[in-house]
Amino acid sequence: MKNLVTIKGTKQGFVLQLDDRCAYADLLKELKGKVSDSALDGITEVQLHLGYRYYTEAQAKEITAAVQDNSDVKVTTITNDVVSEEECNRRVLERQSETYVGIVRSGQVVKAQGDLVIVGDVNQNGRVIAGGNVYVLGRLKGYAHAGANGNKEAVIAASWLEATHLKIDDALESMTDELTMLSEQPEMECAYLHTNGSIIIDRLQELRFIRPEISTFKGGS
């Protein structure tokens, strides 16, 4: 018989993982039994993870009470995988792309909610800002900001990358001589945010390995 409540240990402590497909009444019954089980002996604080089930405020209070009222265990946080309508709409916008054809001149700003494709050059002091990725089919000599809405996985790619400033999410990198020397030629390169929080520049050919999820093409041979 499948367990509807699973105890997992993490770096942050213990998590009670709740099944999100069973009947709510069955889940609540097993949860009450689980917290009085000897398996929770010695555990004083737990997190509740609700999965993809949507809980009303009353239900969230009920399952919290089921844990705390019948044991010495305290619920510290409640998390779930449910995406709000606002978040869903934001993700849809970020997956769309907009194309600008022409030169982005000094002092000009071009923005997009999702991916931004520039067919032309971005001159010095020109600015391109996108909630998603930035692709420049030309020389990127100005300022480029990808992931402007908090997307740390966004990238900046250019046919010729010699920008003055690169920004991904909140990480800003000035293109000093030291950074520029990372490659002998600024041709066909991309920039991405490393897990250590710094912006890394690499060959454009490496993008499919660095961010494989960018490709949405189906089929081919």
N, C-alpha and C. Protein backbone atom coordinates (compact mmCIF):
# COMPACT_ATOMS: atom_id res chain seq x y z
N MET A 1 0.84 -1.20 0.00
CA MET A 1 0.00 0.00 0.00
C MET A 1 0.88 1.25 0.00
N LYS A 2 0.54 2.19 -0.82
CA LYS A 2 1.35 3.40 -0.97
C LYS A 2 1.21 4.31 0.25
N ASN A 3 2.34 4.80 0.73
CA ASN A 3 2.31 5.78 1.81
C ASN A 3 1.84 7.12 1.27
N LEU A 4 0.89 7.72 1.96
CA LEU A 4 0.38 9.03 1.56
C LEU A 4 1.19 10.16 2.20
N VAL A 5 1.92 9.83 3.26
CA VAL A 5 2.78 10.80 3.95
C VAL A 5 4.17 10.19 4.07
N THR A 6 5.17 10.88 3.52
CA THR A 6 6.53 10.38 3.53
C THR A 6 7.43 11.33 4.29
N ILE A 7 8.29 10.78 5.16
CA ILE A 7 9.23 11.61 5.91
C ILE A 7 10.56 11.62 5.17
N LYS A 8 11.06 12.81 4.86
CA LYS A 8 12.34 12.96 4.16
C LYS A 8 13.26 13.88 4.94
N GLY A 9 14.53 13.53 4.96
CA GLY A 9 15.52 14.39 5.60
C GLY A 9 16.23 15.24 4.58
N THR A 10 16.40 16.53 4.85
CA THR A 10 17.10 17.46 3.96
C THR A 10 18.10 18.25 4.78
N LYS A 11 18.87 19.11 4.09
CA LYS A 11 19.83 19.97 4.79
C LYS A 11 19.11 20.94 5.73
N GLN A 12 17.86 21.27 5.39
CA GLN A 12 17.09 22.21 6.19
C GLN A 12 16.35 21.53 7.35
N GLY A 13 16.39 20.19 7.39
CA GLY A 13 15.69 19.47 8.46
C GLY A 13 14.84 18.36 7.88
N PHE A 14 13.68 18.14 8.47
CA PHE A 14 12.78 17.07 8.03
C PHE A 14 11.57 17.63 7.31
N VAL A 15 11.15 16.90 6.28
CA VAL A 15 10.01 17.31 5.47
C VAL A 15 8.98 16.20 5.47
N LEU A 16 7.72 16.56 5.69
CA LEU A 16 6.62 15.62 5.51
C LEU A 16 6.06 15.86 4.11
N GLN A 17 6.34 14.93 3.21
CA GLN A 17 5.89 15.03 1.82
C GLN A 17 4.49 14.43 1.73
N LEU A 18 3.49 15.24 1.36
CA LEU A 18 2.10 14.80 1.31
C LEU A 18 1.71 14.42 -0.11
N ASP A 19 1.08 13.28 -0.27
CA ASP A 19 0.62 12.83 -1.58
C ASP A 19 -0.41 13.83 -2.11
N ASP A 20 -0.30 14.19 -3.39
CA ASP A 20 -1.20 15.20 -3.95
C ASP A 20 -2.26 14.61 -4.88
N ARG A 21 -2.40 13.28 -4.89
CA ARG A 21 -3.38 12.65 -5.79
C ARG A 21 -4.45 11.87 -5.05
N CYS A 22 -4.24 11.61 -3.79
CA CYS A 22 -5.21 10.82 -3.03
C CYS A 22 -6.36 11.71 -2.54
N ALA A 23 -7.37 11.07 -1.95
CA ALA A 23 -8.47 11.82 -1.36
C ALA A 23 -7.97 12.59 -0.15
N TYR A 24 -8.47 13.78 0.02
CA TYR A 24 -8.01 14.63 1.12
C TYR A 24 -8.29 13.98 2.47
N ALA A 25 -9.44 13.35 2.62
CA ALA A 25 -9.80 12.71 3.88
C ALA A 25 -8.83 11.58 4.23
N ASP A 26 -8.43 10.80 3.22
CA ASP A 26 -7.47 9.71 3.46
C ASP A 26 -6.11 10.27 3.88
N LEU A 27 -5.72 11.37 3.23
CA LEU A 27 -4.44 12.00 3.56
C LEU A 27 -4.43 12.50 5.00
N LEU A 28 -5.50 13.16 5.38
CA LEU A 28 -5.58 13.72 6.73
C LEU A 28 -5.54 12.61 7.78
N LYS A 29 -6.22 11.50 7.50
CA LYS A 29 -6.24 10.36 8.42
C LYS A 29 -4.84 9.78 8.61
N GLU A 30 -4.12 9.58 7.49
CA GLU A 30 -2.77 9.02 7.60
C GLU A 30 -1.82 10.00 8.25
N LEU A 31 -2.00 11.29 8.00
CA LEU A 31 -1.13 12.30 8.59
C LEU A 31 -1.24 12.28 10.11
N LYS A 32 -2.46 12.17 10.62
CA LYS A 32 -2.67 12.14 12.07
C LYS A 32 -2.01 10.90 12.67
N GLY A 33 -2.07 9.79 11.94
CA GLY A 33 -1.45 8.58 12.44
C GLY A 33 0.07 8.66 12.38
N LYS A 34 0.58 9.29 11.33
CA LYS A 34 2.03 9.37 11.14
C LYS A 34 2.70 10.20 12.23
N VAL A 35 2.08 11.32 12.63
CA VAL A 35 2.73 12.21 13.60
C VAL A 35 2.76 11.59 15.00
N SER A 36 1.89 10.60 15.24
CA SER A 36 1.92 9.92 16.53
C SER A 36 2.77 8.66 16.48
N ASP A 37 3.33 8.39 15.30
CA ASP A 37 4.18 7.21 15.10
C ASP A 37 5.55 7.45 15.72
N SER A 38 6.20 6.38 16.12
CA SER A 38 7.53 6.48 16.72
C SER A 38 8.58 6.99 15.74
N ALA A 39 8.25 6.96 14.43
CA ALA A 39 9.21 7.42 13.42
C ALA A 39 9.54 8.90 13.59
N LEU A 40 8.64 9.63 14.28
CA LEU A 40 8.88 11.07 14.47
C LEU A 40 9.50 11.37 15.84
N ASP A 41 9.82 10.35 16.58
CA ASP A 41 10.45 10.57 17.89
C ASP A 41 11.78 11.31 17.72
N GLY A 42 11.97 12.35 18.49
CA GLY A 42 13.21 13.12 18.42
C GLY A 42 13.17 14.24 17.42
N ILE A 43 12.15 14.25 16.56
CA ILE A 43 12.01 15.33 15.58
C ILE A 43 11.09 16.40 16.17
N THR A 44 11.54 17.62 16.25
CA THR A 44 10.75 18.69 16.86
C THR A 44 10.19 19.68 15.85
N GLU A 45 10.87 19.81 14.71
CA GLU A 45 10.42 20.75 13.69
C GLU A 45 10.41 20.09 12.32
N VAL A 46 9.34 20.34 11.56
CA VAL A 46 9.23 19.77 10.22
C VAL A 46 8.68 20.82 9.26
N GLN A 47 8.93 20.58 7.99
CA GLN A 47 8.31 21.35 6.92
C GLN A 47 7.25 20.47 6.27
N LEU A 48 6.18 21.08 5.82
CA LEU A 48 5.15 20.36 5.08
C LEU A 48 5.27 20.71 3.61
N HIS A 49 5.39 19.70 2.76
CA HIS A 49 5.40 19.95 1.32
C HIS A 49 4.13 19.36 0.72
N LEU A 50 3.31 20.20 0.11
CA LEU A 50 1.97 19.82 -0.32
C LEU A 50 1.90 19.30 -1.75
N GLY A 51 3.01 19.40 -2.51
CA GLY A 51 3.00 18.94 -3.89
C GLY A 51 2.16 19.85 -4.77
N TYR A 52 1.44 19.25 -5.73
CA TYR A 52 0.65 20.03 -6.69
C TYR A 52 -0.82 20.15 -6.30
N ARG A 53 -1.18 19.72 -5.10
CA ARG A 53 -2.56 19.84 -4.65
C ARG A 53 -2.82 21.28 -4.20
N TYR A 54 -3.98 21.82 -4.59
CA TYR A 54 -4.36 23.16 -4.13
C TYR A 54 -5.14 23.01 -2.82
N TYR A 55 -4.70 23.70 -1.79
CA TYR A 55 -5.36 23.68 -0.50
C TYR A 55 -6.00 25.03 -0.22
N THR A 56 -7.20 25.00 0.32
CA THR A 56 -7.80 26.24 0.80
C THR A 56 -7.07 26.65 2.08
N GLU A 57 -7.30 27.87 2.50
CA GLU A 57 -6.67 28.34 3.74
C GLU A 57 -7.12 27.49 4.93
N ALA A 58 -8.40 27.10 4.93
CA ALA A 58 -8.93 26.28 6.02
C ALA A 58 -8.27 24.90 6.04
N GLN A 59 -8.06 24.31 4.87
CA GLN A 59 -7.42 23.00 4.81
C GLN A 59 -5.97 23.08 5.26
N ALA A 60 -5.27 24.15 4.86
CA ALA A 60 -3.87 24.32 5.28
C ALA A 60 -3.78 24.41 6.80
N LYS A 61 -4.73 25.10 7.42
CA LYS A 61 -4.75 25.20 8.88
C LYS A 61 -5.07 23.85 9.50
N GLU A 62 -5.95 23.08 8.83
CA GLU A 62 -6.36 21.79 9.36
C GLU A 62 -5.21 20.79 9.37
N ILE A 63 -4.42 20.75 8.28
CA ILE A 63 -3.31 19.79 8.25
C ILE A 63 -2.18 20.23 9.19
N THR A 64 -2.02 21.54 9.37
CA THR A 64 -1.03 22.03 10.34
C THR A 64 -1.44 21.62 11.75
N ALA A 65 -2.73 21.78 12.04
CA ALA A 65 -3.24 21.40 13.36
C ALA A 65 -3.11 19.90 13.58
N ALA A 66 -3.31 19.11 12.50
CA ALA A 66 -3.21 17.65 12.61
C ALA A 66 -1.82 17.24 13.05
N VAL A 67 -0.83 18.00 12.64
CA VAL A 67 0.56 17.69 13.00
C VAL A 67 0.87 18.18 14.41
N GLN A 68 0.49 19.39 14.71
CA GLN A 68 0.93 20.04 15.95
C GLN A 68 0.07 19.69 17.17
N ASP A 69 -1.22 19.42 16.96
CA ASP A 69 -2.10 19.21 18.11
C ASP A 69 -1.94 17.82 18.72
N ASN A 70 -1.40 16.88 17.97
CA ASN A 70 -1.30 15.51 18.46
C ASN A 70 0.13 15.05 18.70
N SER A 71 1.05 15.99 18.73
CA SER A 71 2.46 15.61 18.92
C SER A 71 3.25 16.81 19.40
N ASP A 72 4.53 16.58 19.65
CA ASP A 72 5.42 17.68 20.03
C ASP A 72 6.09 18.30 18.83
N VAL A 73 5.64 17.91 17.64
CA VAL A 73 6.24 18.41 16.40
C VAL A 73 5.65 19.77 16.04
N LYS A 74 6.52 20.66 15.59
CA LYS A 74 6.10 21.99 15.17
C LYS A 74 6.33 22.16 13.68
N VAL A 75 5.34 22.70 12.96
CA VAL A 75 5.45 22.97 11.53
C VAL A 75 6.11 24.33 11.36
N THR A 76 7.27 24.36 10.69
CA THR A 76 7.99 25.63 10.51
C THR A 76 7.60 26.33 9.21
N THR A 77 7.44 25.56 8.13
CA THR A 77 7.06 26.15 6.83
C THR A 77 6.17 25.19 6.07
N ILE A 78 5.38 25.76 5.16
CA ILE A 78 4.54 24.98 4.26
C ILE A 78 4.87 25.40 2.83
N THR A 79 5.25 24.44 2.01
CA THR A 79 5.58 24.74 0.62
C THR A 79 4.74 23.89 -0.32
N ASN A 80 4.62 24.33 -1.57
CA ASN A 80 3.91 23.55 -2.58
C ASN A 80 4.47 23.84 -3.95
N ASP A 81 4.00 23.11 -4.94
CA ASP A 81 4.45 23.28 -6.32
C ASP A 81 3.38 23.94 -7.19
N VAL A 82 2.35 24.46 -6.56
CA VAL A 82 1.26 25.09 -7.30
C VAL A 82 1.73 26.44 -7.83
N VAL A 83 1.47 26.68 -9.11
CA VAL A 83 1.87 27.93 -9.75
C VAL A 83 0.67 28.87 -9.79
N SER A 84 0.85 30.08 -9.30
CA SER A 84 -0.25 31.05 -9.30
C SER A 84 -0.54 31.51 -10.73
N GLU A 85 -1.71 32.07 -10.91
CA GLU A 85 -2.09 32.60 -12.23
C GLU A 85 -1.11 33.69 -12.67
N GLU A 86 -0.71 34.54 -11.72
CA GLU A 86 0.23 35.62 -12.04
C GLU A 86 1.57 35.05 -12.50
N GLU A 87 2.07 34.03 -11.77
CA GLU A 87 3.33 33.41 -12.13
C GLU A 87 3.23 32.70 -13.47
N CYS A 88 2.09 32.05 -13.70
CA CYS A 88 1.89 31.34 -14.97
C CYS A 88 1.91 32.31 -16.14
N ASN A 89 1.22 33.45 -15.98
CA ASN A 89 1.21 34.46 -17.05
C ASN A 89 2.60 35.02 -17.29
N ARG A 90 3.37 35.20 -16.21
CA ARG A 90 4.73 35.71 -16.36
C ARG A 90 5.59 34.74 -17.15
N ARG A 91 5.44 33.44 -16.85
CA ARG A 91 6.23 32.43 -17.56
C ARG A 91 5.86 32.37 -19.04
N VAL A 92 4.57 32.54 -19.34
CA VAL A 92 4.13 32.54 -20.74
C VAL A 92 4.78 33.70 -21.49
N LEU A 93 4.76 34.88 -20.86
CA LEU A 93 5.37 36.06 -21.49
C LEU A 93 6.86 35.86 -21.72
N GLU A 94 7.53 35.23 -20.75
CA GLU A 94 8.98 35.05 -20.86
C GLU A 94 9.33 34.04 -21.95
N ARG A 95 8.39 33.19 -22.33
CA ARG A 95 8.66 32.19 -23.36
C ARG A 95 8.36 32.73 -24.76
N GLN A 96 7.79 33.92 -24.83
CA GLN A 96 7.55 34.55 -26.12
C GLN A 96 8.79 35.33 -26.54
N SER A 97 8.89 35.59 -27.82
CA SER A 97 10.05 36.35 -28.30
C SER A 97 9.60 37.52 -29.15
N GLU A 98 10.37 38.58 -29.10
CA GLU A 98 10.12 39.78 -29.91
C GLU A 98 11.38 40.09 -30.71
N THR A 99 11.18 40.55 -31.93
CA THR A 99 12.31 40.81 -32.83
C THR A 99 12.37 42.29 -33.18
N TYR A 100 13.57 42.84 -33.06
CA TYR A 100 13.81 44.23 -33.46
C TYR A 100 14.82 44.21 -34.60
N VAL A 101 14.45 44.79 -35.73
CA VAL A 101 15.33 44.84 -36.89
C VAL A 101 15.85 46.26 -37.05
N GLY A 102 17.16 46.41 -36.98
CA GLY A 102 17.76 47.73 -37.10
C GLY A 102 18.87 47.93 -36.10
N ILE A 103 19.47 49.09 -36.12
CA ILE A 103 20.56 49.41 -35.20
C ILE A 103 19.98 50.02 -33.93
N VAL A 104 20.43 49.53 -32.78
CA VAL A 104 20.08 50.16 -31.51
C VAL A 104 21.15 51.21 -31.25
N ARG A 105 20.78 52.46 -31.40
CA ARG A 105 21.75 53.54 -31.35
C ARG A 105 22.04 53.99 -29.93
N SER A 106 23.07 54.80 -29.79
CA SER A 106 23.46 55.33 -28.48
C SER A 106 22.30 56.06 -27.83
N GLY A 107 22.00 55.72 -26.58
CA GLY A 107 20.90 56.36 -25.87
C GLY A 107 19.56 55.69 -26.06
N GLN A 108 19.46 54.76 -27.01
CA GLN A 108 18.21 54.08 -27.28
C GLN A 108 18.07 52.85 -26.38
N VAL A 109 16.84 52.55 -25.96
CA VAL A 109 16.56 51.38 -25.12
C VAL A 109 15.50 50.53 -25.81
N VAL A 110 15.79 49.25 -25.98
CA VAL A 110 14.83 48.30 -26.55
C VAL A 110 14.55 47.24 -25.50
N LYS A 111 13.25 47.04 -25.17
CA LYS A 111 12.87 46.11 -24.12
C LYS A 111 11.89 45.05 -24.65
N ALA A 112 11.90 43.88 -23.99
CA ALA A 112 10.95 42.81 -24.30
C ALA A 112 10.62 42.05 -23.03
N GLN A 113 9.37 41.59 -22.92
CA GLN A 113 8.96 40.81 -21.75
C GLN A 113 9.60 39.42 -21.76
N GLY A 114 9.73 38.85 -22.96
CA GLY A 114 10.32 37.53 -23.10
C GLY A 114 11.69 37.61 -23.73
N ASP A 115 11.96 36.70 -24.69
CA ASP A 115 13.24 36.75 -25.41
C ASP A 115 13.26 37.95 -26.34
N LEU A 116 14.44 38.51 -26.53
CA LEU A 116 14.62 39.64 -27.43
C LEU A 116 15.66 39.29 -28.48
N VAL A 117 15.24 39.40 -29.76
CA VAL A 117 16.14 39.13 -30.87
C VAL A 117 16.42 40.45 -31.59
N ILE A 118 17.67 40.85 -31.63
CA ILE A 118 18.08 42.06 -32.33
C ILE A 118 18.76 41.66 -33.63
N VAL A 119 18.17 42.04 -34.74
CA VAL A 119 18.79 41.79 -36.05
C VAL A 119 19.49 43.08 -36.46
N GLY A 120 20.73 43.22 -36.03
CA GLY A 120 21.48 44.45 -36.25
C GLY A 120 22.45 44.65 -35.10
N ASP A 121 23.11 45.78 -35.10
CA ASP A 121 24.10 46.08 -34.07
C ASP A 121 23.48 46.80 -32.88
N VAL A 122 24.10 46.65 -31.74
CA VAL A 122 23.77 47.46 -30.57
C VAL A 122 24.98 48.34 -30.30
N ASN A 123 24.86 49.62 -30.60
CA ASN A 123 25.99 50.53 -30.46
C ASN A 123 26.31 50.82 -29.01
N GLN A 124 27.49 51.40 -28.77
CA GLN A 124 27.87 51.81 -27.42
C GLN A 124 26.81 52.75 -26.86
N ASN A 125 26.48 52.55 -25.58
CA ASN A 125 25.45 53.30 -24.88
C ASN A 125 24.04 52.97 -25.34
N GLY A 126 23.90 52.01 -26.25
CA GLY A 126 22.59 51.46 -26.57
C GLY A 126 22.28 50.37 -25.55
N ARG A 127 21.00 50.20 -25.21
CA ARG A 127 20.63 49.25 -24.16
C ARG A 127 19.55 48.30 -24.67
N VAL A 128 19.76 46.99 -24.43
CA VAL A 128 18.75 45.99 -24.75
C VAL A 128 18.44 45.21 -23.48
N ILE A 129 17.16 45.10 -23.15
CA ILE A 129 16.73 44.52 -21.87
C ILE A 129 15.61 43.52 -22.15
N ALA A 130 15.73 42.31 -21.60
CA ALA A 130 14.73 41.28 -21.84
C ALA A 130 14.44 40.50 -20.57
N GLY A 131 13.17 40.09 -20.42
CA GLY A 131 12.82 39.22 -19.31
C GLY A 131 13.38 37.83 -19.52
N GLY A 132 13.59 37.45 -20.79
CA GLY A 132 14.17 36.17 -21.14
C GLY A 132 15.59 36.32 -21.64
N ASN A 133 15.87 35.67 -22.77
CA ASN A 133 17.22 35.71 -23.35
C ASN A 133 17.39 36.88 -24.30
N VAL A 134 18.63 37.27 -24.52
CA VAL A 134 18.96 38.32 -25.49
C VAL A 134 19.83 37.70 -26.58
N TYR A 135 19.38 37.83 -27.83
CA TYR A 135 20.14 37.33 -28.98
C TYR A 135 20.40 38.50 -29.92
N VAL A 136 21.67 38.76 -30.21
CA VAL A 136 22.04 39.87 -31.10
C VAL A 136 22.70 39.30 -32.35
N LEU A 137 22.01 39.43 -33.47
CA LEU A 137 22.56 38.99 -34.75
C LEU A 137 23.33 40.15 -35.36
N GLY A 138 24.42 40.48 -34.72
CA GLY A 138 25.24 41.61 -35.12
C GLY A 138 26.24 41.87 -34.01
N ARG A 139 26.75 43.10 -33.94
CA ARG A 139 27.74 43.46 -32.92
C ARG A 139 27.03 44.00 -31.69
N LEU A 140 27.33 43.40 -30.56
CA LEU A 140 26.81 43.89 -29.29
C LEU A 140 27.91 44.71 -28.62
N LYS A 141 27.80 46.03 -28.75
CA LYS A 141 28.83 46.93 -28.23
C LYS A 141 28.35 47.78 -27.05
N GLY A 142 27.06 47.64 -26.72
CA GLY A 142 26.50 48.45 -25.65
C GLY A 142 26.22 47.65 -24.39
N TYR A 143 25.01 47.84 -23.85
CA TYR A 143 24.61 47.24 -22.58
C TYR A 143 23.51 46.21 -22.85
N ALA A 144 23.66 45.01 -22.31
CA ALA A 144 22.65 43.97 -22.49
C ALA A 144 22.26 43.38 -21.14
N HIS A 145 20.95 43.27 -20.92
CA HIS A 145 20.43 42.73 -19.66
C HIS A 145 19.43 41.63 -19.99
N ALA A 146 19.75 40.39 -19.63
CA ALA A 146 18.85 39.25 -19.82
C ALA A 146 18.33 38.80 -18.46
N GLY A 147 17.15 38.15 -18.47
CA GLY A 147 16.57 37.69 -17.20
C GLY A 147 16.20 38.83 -16.29
N ALA A 148 15.72 39.92 -16.86
CA ALA A 148 15.46 41.13 -16.08
C ALA A 148 14.35 40.96 -15.05
N ASN A 149 13.50 39.93 -15.22
CA ASN A 149 12.42 39.70 -14.27
C ASN A 149 12.77 38.63 -13.24
N GLY A 150 14.05 38.31 -13.13
CA GLY A 150 14.49 37.35 -12.14
C GLY A 150 14.83 35.98 -12.67
N ASN A 151 15.06 35.88 -13.98
CA ASN A 151 15.40 34.59 -14.59
C ASN A 151 16.92 34.39 -14.60
N LYS A 152 17.41 33.56 -13.68
CA LYS A 152 18.85 33.32 -13.58
C LYS A 152 19.37 32.42 -14.69
N GLU A 153 18.47 31.73 -15.41
CA GLU A 153 18.89 30.81 -16.46
C GLU A 153 19.01 31.51 -17.82
N ALA A 154 18.66 32.78 -17.89
CA ALA A 154 18.70 33.52 -19.15
C ALA A 154 20.14 33.67 -19.64
N VAL A 155 20.27 33.84 -20.96
CA VAL A 155 21.60 33.99 -21.55
C VAL A 155 21.62 35.19 -22.49
N ILE A 156 22.83 35.63 -22.80
CA ILE A 156 23.06 36.67 -23.79
C ILE A 156 23.96 36.08 -24.86
N ALA A 157 23.54 36.16 -26.11
CA ALA A 157 24.34 35.61 -27.20
C ALA A 157 24.45 36.66 -28.30
N ALA A 158 25.60 36.70 -28.94
CA ALA A 158 25.83 37.71 -29.99
C ALA A 158 26.76 37.17 -31.06
N SER A 159 26.56 37.66 -32.27
CA SER A 159 27.47 37.31 -33.36
C SER A 159 28.86 37.86 -33.07
N TRP A 160 28.89 39.04 -32.41
CA TRP A 160 30.17 39.67 -32.05
C TRP A 160 29.96 40.33 -30.70
N LEU A 161 30.56 39.74 -29.66
CA LEU A 161 30.30 40.18 -28.29
C LEU A 161 31.44 41.06 -27.78
N GLU A 162 31.18 42.37 -27.77
CA GLU A 162 32.15 43.33 -27.23
C GLU A 162 31.40 44.40 -26.43
N ALA A 163 30.46 43.94 -25.60
CA ALA A 163 29.62 44.84 -24.82
C ALA A 163 30.41 45.58 -23.75
N THR A 164 29.88 46.71 -23.32
CA THR A 164 30.50 47.44 -22.21
C THR A 164 30.03 46.87 -20.88
N HIS A 165 28.75 46.43 -20.85
CA HIS A 165 28.20 45.85 -19.63
C HIS A 165 27.26 44.69 -19.99
N LEU A 166 27.36 43.63 -19.20
CA LEU A 166 26.45 42.49 -19.31
C LEU A 166 25.76 42.31 -17.97
N LYS A 167 24.45 42.06 -18.01
CA LYS A 167 23.71 41.84 -16.76
C LYS A 167 22.75 40.67 -16.97
N ILE A 168 22.77 39.72 -16.04
CA ILE A 168 21.84 38.60 -16.06
C ILE A 168 21.22 38.51 -14.68
N ASP A 169 19.89 38.60 -14.62
CA ASP A 169 19.18 38.72 -13.36
C ASP A 169 19.73 39.96 -12.65
N ASP A 170 20.30 39.81 -11.47
CA ASP A 170 20.85 40.97 -10.74
C ASP A 170 22.37 41.05 -10.81
N ALA A 171 22.99 40.11 -11.52
CA ALA A 171 24.46 40.09 -11.62
C ALA A 171 24.92 40.98 -12.76
N LEU A 172 25.77 41.95 -12.45
CA LEU A 172 26.27 42.90 -13.44
C LEU A 172 27.77 42.70 -13.63
N GLU A 173 28.19 42.67 -14.88
CA GLU A 173 29.60 42.49 -15.18
C GLU A 173 30.05 43.59 -16.14
N SER A 174 31.07 44.35 -15.73
CA SER A 174 31.68 45.32 -16.64
C SER A 174 32.71 44.60 -17.48
N MET A 175 32.69 44.85 -18.76
CA MET A 175 33.59 44.14 -19.67
C MET A 175 34.97 44.77 -19.63
N THR A 176 35.70 44.43 -18.58
CA THR A 176 37.06 44.92 -18.44
C THR A 176 37.99 44.16 -19.38
N ASP A 177 39.21 44.63 -19.51
CA ASP A 177 40.18 43.95 -20.36
C ASP A 177 40.41 42.51 -19.89
N GLU A 178 40.38 42.33 -18.57
CA GLU A 178 40.62 41.00 -18.01
C GLU A 178 39.55 40.02 -18.46
N LEU A 179 38.28 40.47 -18.46
CA LEU A 179 37.19 39.59 -18.87
C LEU A 179 37.22 39.36 -20.37
N THR A 180 37.54 40.39 -21.11
CA THR A 180 37.57 40.28 -22.57
C THR A 180 38.64 39.29 -23.01
N MET A 181 39.72 39.17 -22.24
CA MET A 181 40.81 38.27 -22.61
C MET A 181 40.46 36.79 -22.43
N LEU A 182 39.26 36.52 -21.90
CA LEU A 182 38.84 35.13 -21.75
C LEU A 182 38.73 34.44 -23.11
N SER A 183 38.58 35.21 -24.16
CA SER A 183 38.55 34.64 -25.51
C SER A 183 39.42 35.49 -26.42
N GLU A 184 40.02 34.85 -27.40
CA GLU A 184 40.89 35.59 -28.32
C GLU A 184 40.07 36.43 -29.29
N GLN A 185 38.90 35.93 -29.63
CA GLN A 185 38.03 36.65 -30.55
C GLN A 185 36.64 36.78 -29.93
N PRO A 186 36.00 37.96 -30.01
CA PRO A 186 34.66 38.13 -29.45
C PRO A 186 33.56 37.65 -30.40
N GLU A 187 33.92 36.82 -31.36
CA GLU A 187 32.97 36.39 -32.39
C GLU A 187 32.21 35.15 -31.93
N MET A 188 30.87 35.17 -32.13
CA MET A 188 30.00 34.03 -31.84
C MET A 188 30.18 33.54 -30.40
N GLU A 189 29.77 34.39 -29.44
CA GLU A 189 29.93 34.03 -28.04
C GLU A 189 28.62 34.21 -27.29
N CYS A 190 28.58 33.63 -26.09
CA CYS A 190 27.41 33.77 -25.24
C CYS A 190 27.86 34.01 -23.81
N ALA A 191 26.97 34.58 -23.03
CA ALA A 191 27.24 34.83 -21.61
C ALA A 191 26.11 34.22 -20.79
N TYR A 192 26.48 33.61 -19.67
CA TYR A 192 25.47 33.00 -18.80
C TYR A 192 25.89 33.16 -17.35
N LEU A 193 24.95 32.95 -16.46
CA LEU A 193 25.21 33.11 -15.03
C LEU A 193 25.61 31.77 -14.43
N HIS A 194 26.83 31.71 -13.92
CA HIS A 194 27.33 30.49 -13.30
C HIS A 194 26.69 30.30 -11.93
N THR A 195 26.73 29.06 -11.42
CA THR A 195 26.15 28.78 -10.11
C THR A 195 26.86 29.54 -8.98
N ASN A 196 28.09 29.99 -9.23
CA ASN A 196 28.81 30.76 -8.20
C ASN A 196 28.42 32.24 -8.21
N GLY A 197 27.49 32.62 -9.11
CA GLY A 197 27.00 33.99 -9.14
C GLY A 197 27.72 34.92 -10.09
N SER A 198 28.73 34.43 -10.80
CA SER A 198 29.48 35.27 -11.74
C SER A 198 29.03 35.00 -13.16
N ILE A 199 29.21 35.99 -14.02
CA ILE A 199 28.85 35.85 -15.43
C ILE A 199 30.03 35.26 -16.18
N ILE A 200 29.77 34.21 -16.94
CA ILE A 200 30.80 33.50 -17.69
C ILE A 200 30.56 33.70 -19.18
N ILE A 201 31.64 33.88 -19.93
CA ILE A 201 31.56 34.01 -21.38
C ILE A 201 32.15 32.75 -22.01
N ASP A 202 31.44 32.22 -22.99
CA ASP A 202 31.91 31.00 -23.64
C ASP A 202 31.55 31.05 -25.12
N ARG A 203 32.05 30.08 -25.86
CA ARG A 203 31.73 30.00 -27.28
C ARG A 203 30.24 29.72 -27.46
N LEU A 204 29.65 30.29 -28.49
CA LEU A 204 28.23 30.11 -28.74
C LEU A 204 27.89 28.64 -28.97
N GLN A 205 28.85 27.88 -29.51
CA GLN A 205 28.61 26.46 -29.76
C GLN A 205 28.37 25.69 -28.48
N GLU A 206 28.81 26.23 -27.34
CA GLU A 206 28.65 25.53 -26.07
C GLU A 206 27.27 25.75 -25.44
N LEU A 207 26.49 26.64 -26.04
CA LEU A 207 25.21 27.01 -25.45
C LEU A 207 24.27 25.81 -25.32
N ARG A 208 24.32 24.89 -26.28
CA ARG A 208 23.42 23.74 -26.24
C ARG A 208 23.74 22.80 -25.08
N PHE A 209 24.95 22.88 -24.57
CA PHE A 209 25.32 22.08 -23.40
C PHE A 209 25.09 22.86 -22.10
N ILE A 210 25.33 24.18 -22.16
CA ILE A 210 25.17 25.02 -20.97
C ILE A 210 23.70 25.18 -20.60
N ARG A 211 22.86 25.44 -21.60
CA ARG A 211 21.42 25.63 -21.38
C ARG A 211 20.64 24.78 -22.38
N PRO A 212 20.64 23.45 -22.23
CA PRO A 212 19.95 22.59 -23.20
C PRO A 212 18.45 22.84 -23.27
N GLU A 213 17.85 23.38 -22.20
CA GLU A 213 16.42 23.61 -22.18
C GLU A 213 15.99 24.75 -23.10
N ILE A 214 16.94 25.54 -23.59
CA ILE A 214 16.59 26.64 -24.49
C ILE A 214 15.99 26.14 -25.78
N SER A 215 16.50 25.01 -26.27
CA SER A 215 16.02 24.46 -27.53
C SER A 215 14.64 23.85 -27.37
N THR A 216 13.68 24.31 -28.17
CA THR A 216 12.32 23.77 -28.13
C THR A 216 11.96 23.07 -29.43
N PHE A 217 12.95 22.92 -30.32
CA PHE A 217 12.69 22.34 -31.62
C PHE A 217 12.44 20.83 -31.50
N LYS A 218 11.37 20.36 -32.17
CA LYS A 218 11.03 18.95 -32.16
C LYS A 218 11.20 18.38 -33.57
N GLY A 219 11.75 17.19 -33.63
CA GLY A 219 11.90 16.55 -34.93
C GLY A 219 13.31 16.73 -35.47
N GLY A 220 13.47 16.55 -36.77
CA GLY A 220 14.78 16.66 -37.39
C GLY A 220 15.48 15.32 -37.39
N SER A 221 16.60 15.27 -38.03
CA SER A 221 17.34 14.01 -38.08
C SER A 221 18.83 14.32 -38.19
